[in-house]
Amino acid sequence: MEPTKVPRTTELEFGGPWGAALLTLLLPGGAFYLLLVSGTPGASVLSVPAFPAWRSLWDPTDLGLVLAWIAAQALLAQAPLGKVTEGTPLRDKARLQYRINGCHALGVTGVVLGAGLAGGLRLSYVYDHFLQLAFAATLVAFALSLLLYIKALVAPPSALAPGGNSGNPVYDFFLGHELNPRIGSFDLKFFCEMRPGLLGWAVINMGMLMKEAEVRGSPSLAMVLVNGFQLLYVVDALWHEEAVLTTMDIQRDGFGFMLAFGDLAWVPFLYSLQGHFLVTHPHRVSLPAAAGIILLNGLRTLPTATGRRLLVSGWWGLVRHPNYLGDLLMALAWSLPCGLTHALPYFYPAYFLLLLLHREARDERHCLGQYGLAWGEYCRKVPFRILPYVY
């Protein structure tokens, strides 16, 4: 076998092809279910909302807006701003180059958005057409995933993803067949990971804030907290954009429906669920409560070389993934401004917990394979994975 050829994937995740097929349908379906629930008076996840007619979800204008947004961010990503850096070595020892200019894109986007608002742009349109925009983003994700799979079929063997080379088209479509699909020097996975969805999330949140201001005269403290926390997260991610090159998504996962839908639809529309919820379900947050939530979100942290955040208390000696615990506390802080009377705003920390448990299990397998006996010794000395004395 050629040294750079990627072997067939034998350890299948998510229940194999049947699980991948099910998730391809359940993820969009579940996302729309939650968005519909958020707009109902009771906002109960146990009360099935009325599903709108398919025709009402289709709006060519909103599809055009989604495509225009992605195209604009793609142009900014290719602009000769920032720096060019190399990624980690690939299987064939090559190192791809990436343009790092996320903060520049954020700045330009902010200036254009500010000018639009000053000129009368009604950003609350995002709230009014939330379902239509989400539907358009989902269609784009499906179309992109299909094109990515077709492209991977003619890619060289060394370009395939270790986890998405099973030979089953359904599974490889979902996981991603090609590791780093590119058009020339434009890296599709890196772009989608960091730009349209992440910046779109911040813009959608701002649209929720503007809608609440229209309805009630001014945004609530709860809405300001949600916008502030999540904007800080987006700014921090783009400030440390280079760090994403060392993450599992870039290094080991192929670019298929799982990441495409997650980047283009799941992140911007479900991560903004708290803001959407607050428009129709206002909650008053007292100043002492706000101070406590801010404290929870701003626990003193240190950046790592991989862009993760570590709680500064020596917890690497207590748990093997203390950065995940910090992520969970942050997720909780994003939901607390919505109050405690509804479960819906806490979907994000609940989902994030499941995501991190799955990712932690993948990390454990990877570290065991990479470090062998040394990792086993570390696990013996540090038996807890995320939460001390619990898990």
Protein backbone atom coordinates (compact mmCIF):
# COMPACT_ATOMS: atom_id res chain seq x y z
CA MET A 1 0.00 0.00 0.00
CA GLU A 2 1.24 3.47 -0.83
CA PRO A 3 2.47 5.31 2.28
CA THR A 4 0.15 8.26 1.68
CA LYS A 5 -2.96 6.28 0.84
CA VAL A 6 -5.71 6.57 3.44
CA PRO A 7 -6.92 3.10 4.55
CA ARG A 8 -10.57 2.14 4.59
CA THR A 9 -12.49 3.31 7.63
CA THR A 10 -13.33 0.26 9.71
CA GLU A 11 -14.43 1.82 13.03
CA LEU A 12 -17.72 3.51 12.16
CA GLU A 13 -19.33 6.13 14.38
CA PHE A 14 -22.95 7.25 14.93
CA GLY A 15 -24.29 3.75 14.33
CA GLY A 16 -22.73 3.33 10.91
CA PRO A 17 -24.60 4.02 7.64
CA TRP A 18 -28.05 3.67 9.17
CA GLY A 19 -27.20 6.09 11.97
CA ALA A 20 -25.67 8.54 9.49
CA ALA A 21 -28.81 8.40 7.33
CA LEU A 22 -31.01 8.96 10.34
CA LEU A 23 -28.96 11.91 11.57
CA THR A 24 -29.02 13.49 8.11
CA LEU A 25 -32.79 13.76 8.54
CA LEU A 26 -33.05 14.22 12.30
CA LEU A 27 -30.61 17.11 12.63
CA PRO A 28 -32.51 19.48 10.31
CA GLY A 29 -35.85 18.18 11.58
CA GLY A 30 -34.85 18.65 15.20
CA ALA A 31 -33.50 22.12 14.51
CA PHE A 32 -36.77 23.27 12.92
CA TYR A 33 -38.78 21.70 15.71
CA LEU A 34 -36.91 23.78 18.30
CA LEU A 35 -37.19 26.97 16.24
CA LEU A 36 -40.93 26.46 15.89
CA VAL A 37 -41.31 25.78 19.62
CA SER A 38 -39.41 28.96 20.43
CA GLY A 39 -42.04 31.02 18.62
CA THR A 40 -45.04 29.48 20.42
CA PRO A 41 -46.61 31.16 23.49
CA GLY A 42 -45.84 28.25 25.81
CA ALA A 43 -42.41 27.42 24.36
CA SER A 44 -42.76 23.87 25.66
CA VAL A 45 -40.57 21.25 24.02
CA LEU A 46 -43.22 18.68 24.92
CA SER A 47 -45.98 20.44 22.98
CA VAL A 48 -45.71 19.68 19.29
CA PRO A 49 -46.05 22.95 17.35
CA ALA A 50 -47.98 23.28 14.12
CA PHE A 51 -45.59 22.84 11.22
CA PRO A 52 -45.96 25.51 8.53
CA ALA A 53 -46.63 24.63 4.92
CA TRP A 54 -43.47 23.85 2.98
CA ARG A 55 -44.32 26.60 0.52
CA SER A 56 -44.19 29.18 3.32
CA LEU A 57 -40.60 28.18 4.13
CA TRP A 58 -39.39 28.76 0.59
CA ASP A 59 -38.48 32.36 -0.18
CA PRO A 60 -36.10 33.01 -3.09
CA THR A 61 -35.19 36.38 -1.60
CA ASP A 62 -34.02 34.73 1.61
CA LEU A 63 -32.07 32.12 -0.35
CA GLY A 64 -30.44 34.97 -2.23
CA LEU A 65 -29.56 36.69 1.05
CA VAL A 66 -27.95 33.52 2.42
CA LEU A 67 -25.93 33.00 -0.77
CA ALA A 68 -24.94 36.68 -0.87
CA TRP A 69 -23.80 36.51 2.76
CA ILE A 70 -21.66 33.43 2.10
CA ALA A 71 -20.21 34.99 -1.05
CA ALA A 72 -19.36 38.23 0.76
CA GLN A 73 -17.61 36.36 3.55
CA ALA A 74 -15.74 34.24 0.99
CA LEU A 75 -14.45 37.41 -0.69
CA LEU A 76 -13.29 38.77 2.67
CA ALA A 77 -11.61 35.44 3.48
CA GLN A 78 -9.62 35.69 0.24
CA ALA A 79 -8.75 39.37 0.65
CA PRO A 80 -4.98 40.06 0.97
CA LEU A 81 -5.31 40.96 4.64
CA GLY A 82 -3.83 39.37 7.73
CA LYS A 83 -1.19 36.67 7.39
CA VAL A 84 -0.71 33.30 5.73
CA THR A 85 0.20 30.38 7.95
CA GLU A 86 0.77 26.65 7.53
CA GLY A 87 -1.40 23.94 8.96
CA THR A 88 -0.19 20.81 10.70
CA PRO A 89 1.55 18.15 8.55
CA LEU A 90 -0.80 15.95 6.53
CA ARG A 91 -0.49 12.23 5.99
CA ASP A 92 1.85 12.82 3.03
CA LYS A 93 3.89 15.31 5.14
CA ALA A 94 2.63 18.29 3.11
CA ARG A 95 1.43 21.41 4.93
CA LEU A 96 -1.44 23.45 3.53
CA GLN A 97 -1.44 27.22 3.71
CA TYR A 98 -4.27 29.22 5.25
CA ARG A 99 -5.00 32.94 5.21
CA ILE A 100 -5.74 34.18 8.73
CA ASN A 101 -7.80 37.35 8.52
CA GLY A 102 -10.91 36.61 10.59
CA CYS A 103 -10.61 39.78 12.67
CA HIS A 104 -10.34 41.85 9.50
CA ALA A 105 -13.50 40.20 8.18
CA LEU A 106 -15.22 40.90 11.50
CA GLY A 107 -14.19 44.54 11.35
CA VAL A 108 -15.32 45.06 7.75
CA THR A 109 -18.60 43.26 8.44
CA GLY A 110 -19.18 45.42 11.51
CA VAL A 111 -18.53 48.65 9.61
CA VAL A 112 -20.83 47.67 6.74
CA LEU A 113 -23.54 46.56 9.16
CA GLY A 114 -23.21 49.77 11.18
CA ALA A 115 -23.48 51.87 8.02
CA GLY A 116 -26.55 49.91 7.00
CA LEU A 117 -28.24 50.46 10.35
CA ALA A 118 -27.43 54.17 10.18
CA GLY A 119 -28.99 54.24 6.72
CA GLY A 120 -32.23 52.63 7.88
CA LEU A 121 -31.49 48.91 7.50
CA ARG A 122 -34.19 46.97 9.34
CA LEU A 123 -32.17 44.15 10.86
CA SER A 124 -35.24 42.81 12.64
CA TYR A 125 -36.05 41.27 9.24
CA VAL A 126 -33.86 38.41 10.45
CA TYR A 127 -36.39 37.63 13.20
CA ASP A 128 -39.39 38.02 10.91
CA HIS A 129 -37.88 35.62 8.32
CA PHE A 130 -36.06 33.37 10.76
CA LEU A 131 -37.57 30.09 9.53
CA GLN A 132 -37.18 31.02 5.87
CA LEU A 133 -33.53 31.96 6.32
CA ALA A 134 -32.88 28.76 8.28
CA PHE A 135 -34.57 26.73 5.55
CA ALA A 136 -32.44 28.43 2.89
CA ALA A 137 -29.25 27.75 4.88
CA THR A 138 -30.27 24.09 5.20
CA LEU A 139 -30.78 23.80 1.44
CA VAL A 140 -27.35 25.33 0.86
CA ALA A 141 -25.82 22.85 3.32
CA PHE A 142 -27.39 19.88 1.52
CA ALA A 143 -26.28 21.17 -1.88
CA LEU A 144 -22.74 21.87 -0.69
CA SER A 145 -22.50 18.42 0.92
CA LEU A 146 -23.52 16.74 -2.32
CA LEU A 147 -20.94 18.72 -4.29
CA LEU A 148 -18.28 17.90 -1.70
CA TYR A 149 -19.00 14.18 -1.97
CA ILE A 150 -18.87 14.26 -5.78
CA LYS A 151 -15.60 16.20 -5.63
CA ALA A 152 -14.15 13.65 -3.21
CA LEU A 153 -14.83 10.81 -5.65
CA VAL A 154 -12.19 12.21 -8.02
CA ALA A 155 -9.77 13.37 -5.30
CA PRO A 156 -6.40 11.60 -4.93
CA PRO A 157 -6.36 8.79 -2.35
CA SER A 158 -4.09 10.76 -0.02
CA ALA A 159 -6.68 13.57 0.20
CA LEU A 160 -9.42 11.42 1.73
CA ALA A 161 -10.47 11.65 5.37
CA PRO A 162 -9.47 8.79 7.69
CA GLY A 163 -12.93 8.76 9.26
CA GLY A 164 -14.98 9.14 6.07
CA ASN A 165 -13.46 6.51 3.79
CA SER A 166 -15.76 3.59 4.57
CA GLY A 167 -16.85 2.96 0.99
CA ASN A 168 -20.49 3.46 1.97
CA PRO A 169 -21.80 6.57 0.19
CA VAL A 170 -24.36 7.46 2.87
CA TYR A 171 -21.84 7.27 5.70
CA ASP A 172 -19.10 9.07 3.76
CA PHE A 173 -21.56 11.77 2.64
CA PHE A 174 -22.40 12.44 6.28
CA LEU A 175 -18.91 12.23 7.81
CA GLY A 176 -17.11 13.80 4.86
CA HIS A 177 -15.12 11.83 2.29
CA GLU A 178 -12.36 14.38 1.64
CA LEU A 179 -10.28 15.83 4.46
CA ASN A 180 -9.43 19.29 3.12
CA PRO A 181 -11.48 20.04 -0.02
CA ARG A 182 -10.22 23.13 -1.81
CA ILE A 183 -10.93 25.24 -4.84
CA GLY A 184 -7.46 26.42 -5.72
CA SER A 185 -6.07 27.81 -2.47
CA PHE A 186 -9.54 28.40 -0.99
CA ASP A 187 -10.11 25.85 1.78
CA LEU A 188 -13.84 25.14 2.01
CA LYS A 189 -13.81 23.47 5.42
CA PHE A 190 -11.68 26.12 7.12
CA PHE A 191 -13.85 28.86 5.64
CA CYS A 192 -17.15 27.31 6.71
CA GLU A 193 -15.83 26.51 10.17
CA MET A 194 -14.94 30.11 10.98
CA ARG A 195 -16.79 32.58 8.79
CA PRO A 196 -20.38 32.49 7.47
CA GLY A 197 -21.95 30.63 10.39
CA LEU A 198 -19.92 32.19 13.19
CA LEU A 199 -20.32 35.77 11.99
CA GLY A 200 -23.89 35.00 10.93
CA TRP A 201 -24.65 33.92 14.50
CA ALA A 202 -23.58 37.35 15.78
CA VAL A 203 -25.63 39.16 13.13
CA ILE A 204 -28.71 37.05 13.88
CA ASN A 205 -28.36 37.84 17.57
CA MET A 206 -28.22 41.53 16.72
CA GLY A 207 -31.38 41.09 14.67
CA MET A 208 -33.12 39.62 17.74
CA LEU A 209 -31.99 42.59 19.82
CA MET A 210 -33.30 45.03 17.21
CA LYS A 211 -36.63 43.19 17.06
CA GLU A 212 -37.02 43.35 20.83
CA ALA A 213 -36.25 47.07 20.71
CA GLU A 214 -38.99 47.48 18.10
CA VAL A 215 -41.51 45.57 20.20
CA ARG A 216 -40.69 46.99 23.64
CA GLY A 217 -38.93 50.25 22.97
CA SER A 218 -35.50 49.08 24.12
CA PRO A 219 -33.60 45.81 24.49
CA SER A 220 -33.79 44.05 27.85
CA LEU A 221 -30.82 43.39 30.08
CA ALA A 222 -31.28 39.68 29.41
CA MET A 223 -31.00 40.26 25.65
CA VAL A 224 -27.94 42.48 26.11
CA LEU A 225 -26.26 39.78 28.21
CA VAL A 226 -26.95 37.06 25.63
CA ASN A 227 -25.70 39.26 22.79
CA GLY A 228 -22.65 40.36 24.76
CA PHE A 229 -21.61 36.88 25.87
CA GLN A 230 -22.00 35.31 22.45
CA LEU A 231 -20.38 38.22 20.60
CA LEU A 232 -17.42 37.93 22.95
CA TYR A 233 -17.19 34.24 22.05
CA VAL A 234 -17.24 35.00 18.32
CA VAL A 235 -14.61 37.75 18.66
CA ASP A 236 -12.41 35.46 20.74
CA ALA A 237 -12.74 32.64 18.19
CA LEU A 238 -11.73 34.92 15.32
CA TRP A 239 -8.92 36.50 17.35
CA HIS A 240 -7.51 32.99 17.87
CA GLU A 241 -8.54 31.81 14.39
CA GLU A 242 -5.19 30.17 13.74
CA ALA A 243 -5.77 27.81 16.66
CA VAL A 244 -8.61 26.04 14.82
CA LEU A 245 -5.95 24.45 12.58
CA THR A 246 -4.99 22.16 15.48
CA THR A 247 -8.54 21.01 16.25
CA MET A 248 -10.13 17.64 15.51
CA ASP A 249 -12.46 19.16 12.91
CA ILE A 250 -9.57 20.35 10.75
CA GLN A 251 -7.01 17.62 11.43
CA ARG A 252 -9.09 14.43 11.37
CA ASP A 253 -12.70 15.01 10.29
CA GLY A 254 -13.70 15.10 6.66
CA PHE A 255 -15.92 17.84 5.29
CA GLY A 256 -19.35 16.38 4.73
CA PHE A 257 -22.93 17.01 5.78
CA MET A 258 -22.18 16.80 9.49
CA LEU A 259 -19.86 19.81 9.41
CA ALA A 260 -21.50 21.64 6.49
CA PHE A 261 -24.94 21.65 8.12
CA GLY A 262 -23.41 22.38 11.50
CA ASP A 263 -21.42 25.35 10.21
CA LEU A 264 -24.02 26.91 7.92
CA ALA A 265 -27.32 26.19 9.67
CA TRP A 266 -27.01 24.63 13.12
CA VAL A 267 -24.56 27.16 14.58
CA PRO A 268 -26.10 30.44 13.40
CA PHE A 269 -29.75 29.48 13.90
CA LEU A 270 -29.74 27.19 16.94
CA TYR A 271 -26.97 28.92 18.86
CA SER A 272 -29.06 32.11 18.64
CA LEU A 273 -32.05 30.31 20.18
CA GLN A 274 -31.77 32.24 23.45
CA GLY A 275 -32.09 35.57 21.66
CA HIS A 276 -35.01 34.33 19.58
CA PHE A 277 -36.72 33.02 22.73
CA LEU A 278 -36.36 36.35 24.56
CA VAL A 279 -38.17 38.30 21.83
CA THR A 280 -41.46 36.53 22.57
CA HIS A 281 -40.74 35.42 26.15
CA PRO A 282 -39.19 38.40 27.96
CA HIS A 283 -37.45 37.83 31.26
CA ARG A 284 -36.38 40.46 33.75
CA VAL A 285 -32.87 39.95 35.13
CA SER A 286 -31.95 41.82 38.30
CA LEU A 287 -28.59 43.54 38.57
CA PRO A 288 -27.27 41.13 41.24
CA ALA A 289 -28.35 38.16 39.10
CA ALA A 290 -26.69 39.73 36.06
CA ALA A 291 -23.48 40.19 38.04
CA GLY A 292 -23.52 36.53 39.03
CA ILE A 293 -24.12 35.39 35.46
CA ILE A 294 -21.31 37.62 34.21
CA LEU A 295 -19.03 36.12 36.84
CA LEU A 296 -19.95 32.60 35.73
CA ASN A 297 -19.27 33.44 32.06
CA GLY A 298 -15.99 35.24 32.86
CA LEU A 299 -14.18 32.78 35.09
CA ARG A 300 -10.45 33.45 34.83
CA THR A 301 -9.03 31.39 31.98
CA LEU A 302 -5.83 30.81 30.08
CA PRO A 303 -5.65 30.19 26.32
CA THR A 304 -3.98 27.01 25.15
CA ALA A 305 -2.09 26.42 21.93
CA THR A 306 -5.18 24.74 20.49
CA GLY A 307 -7.52 27.60 21.19
CA ARG A 308 -9.28 25.88 24.08
CA ARG A 309 -9.72 27.62 27.43
CA LEU A 310 -8.41 26.19 30.69
CA LEU A 311 -9.67 27.08 34.14
CA VAL A 312 -6.67 28.45 36.04
CA SER A 313 -6.67 26.30 39.13
CA GLY A 314 -4.41 23.41 38.29
CA TRP A 315 -7.36 21.27 37.26
CA TRP A 316 -5.35 19.37 34.67
CA GLY A 317 -4.23 17.37 37.67
CA LEU A 318 -7.84 16.69 38.73
CA VAL A 319 -9.59 16.03 35.41
CA ARG A 320 -8.30 15.16 31.96
CA HIS A 321 -10.47 17.68 30.10
CA PRO A 322 -11.03 20.73 32.36
CA ASN A 323 -11.42 22.90 29.27
CA TYR A 324 -14.68 21.06 28.54
CA LEU A 325 -15.95 21.93 32.01
CA GLY A 326 -15.19 25.59 31.30
CA ASP A 327 -17.13 25.32 28.02
CA LEU A 328 -20.14 23.89 29.86
CA LEU A 329 -20.12 26.67 32.48
CA MET A 330 -19.98 29.23 29.69
CA ALA A 331 -22.92 27.54 27.91
CA LEU A 332 -24.93 27.67 31.14
CA ALA A 333 -24.21 31.39 31.51
CA TRP A 334 -25.62 32.00 28.02
CA SER A 335 -28.94 30.42 29.00
CA LEU A 336 -29.45 31.78 32.52
CA PRO A 337 -30.57 35.25 31.30
CA CYS A 338 -33.66 33.50 29.91
CA GLY A 339 -34.79 32.47 33.40
CA LEU A 340 -35.66 29.09 34.81
CA THR A 341 -39.30 28.71 33.80
CA HIS A 342 -38.66 27.12 30.39
CA ALA A 343 -36.40 24.26 29.37
CA LEU A 344 -36.02 25.40 25.76
CA PRO A 345 -33.27 28.02 26.30
CA TYR A 346 -31.20 25.30 27.98
CA PHE A 347 -31.09 23.22 24.83
CA TYR A 348 -27.64 24.60 24.04
CA PRO A 349 -25.89 23.50 27.28
CA ALA A 350 -27.71 20.14 27.12
CA TYR A 351 -26.69 19.59 23.52
CA PHE A 352 -23.19 20.84 24.25
CA LEU A 353 -22.86 18.35 27.09
CA LEU A 354 -23.70 15.47 24.73
CA LEU A 355 -21.35 16.87 22.09
CA LEU A 356 -18.47 17.16 24.54
CA LEU A 357 -19.06 13.67 25.95
CA HIS A 358 -18.87 12.28 22.42
CA ARG A 359 -15.83 14.40 21.59
CA GLU A 360 -14.14 13.47 24.85
CA ALA A 361 -14.57 9.78 24.01
CA ARG A 362 -12.99 10.39 20.59
CA ASP A 363 -10.15 12.31 22.25
CA GLU A 364 -9.52 9.44 24.65
CA ARG A 365 -9.24 6.93 21.80
CA HIS A 366 -6.97 9.23 19.82
CA CYS A 367 -4.68 9.93 22.80
CA LEU A 368 -4.49 6.25 23.65
CA GLY A 369 -3.39 5.47 20.12
CA GLN A 370 -0.91 8.36 20.05
CA TYR A 371 0.64 8.08 23.52
CA GLY A 372 0.09 4.42 24.37
CA LEU A 373 1.23 3.41 27.85
CA ALA A 374 1.98 7.00 28.83
CA TRP A 375 -1.66 7.91 28.35
CA GLY A 376 -2.73 4.92 30.40
CA GLU A 377 -0.48 6.06 33.24
CA TYR A 378 -1.92 9.57 33.04
CA CYS A 379 -5.46 8.15 33.21
CA ARG A 380 -4.47 6.16 36.29
CA LYS A 381 -3.19 9.27 38.02
CA VAL A 382 -6.09 11.45 36.83
CA PRO A 383 -9.15 9.15 36.81
CA PHE A 384 -11.81 11.82 36.26
CA ARG A 385 -12.51 13.04 32.76
CA ILE A 386 -14.52 16.28 33.01
CA LEU A 387 -16.10 16.81 36.43
CA PRO A 388 -13.96 16.03 39.53
CA TYR A 389 -15.24 13.12 41.62
CA VAL A 390 -18.28 12.70 39.33
CA TYR A 391 -17.14 11.81 35.78
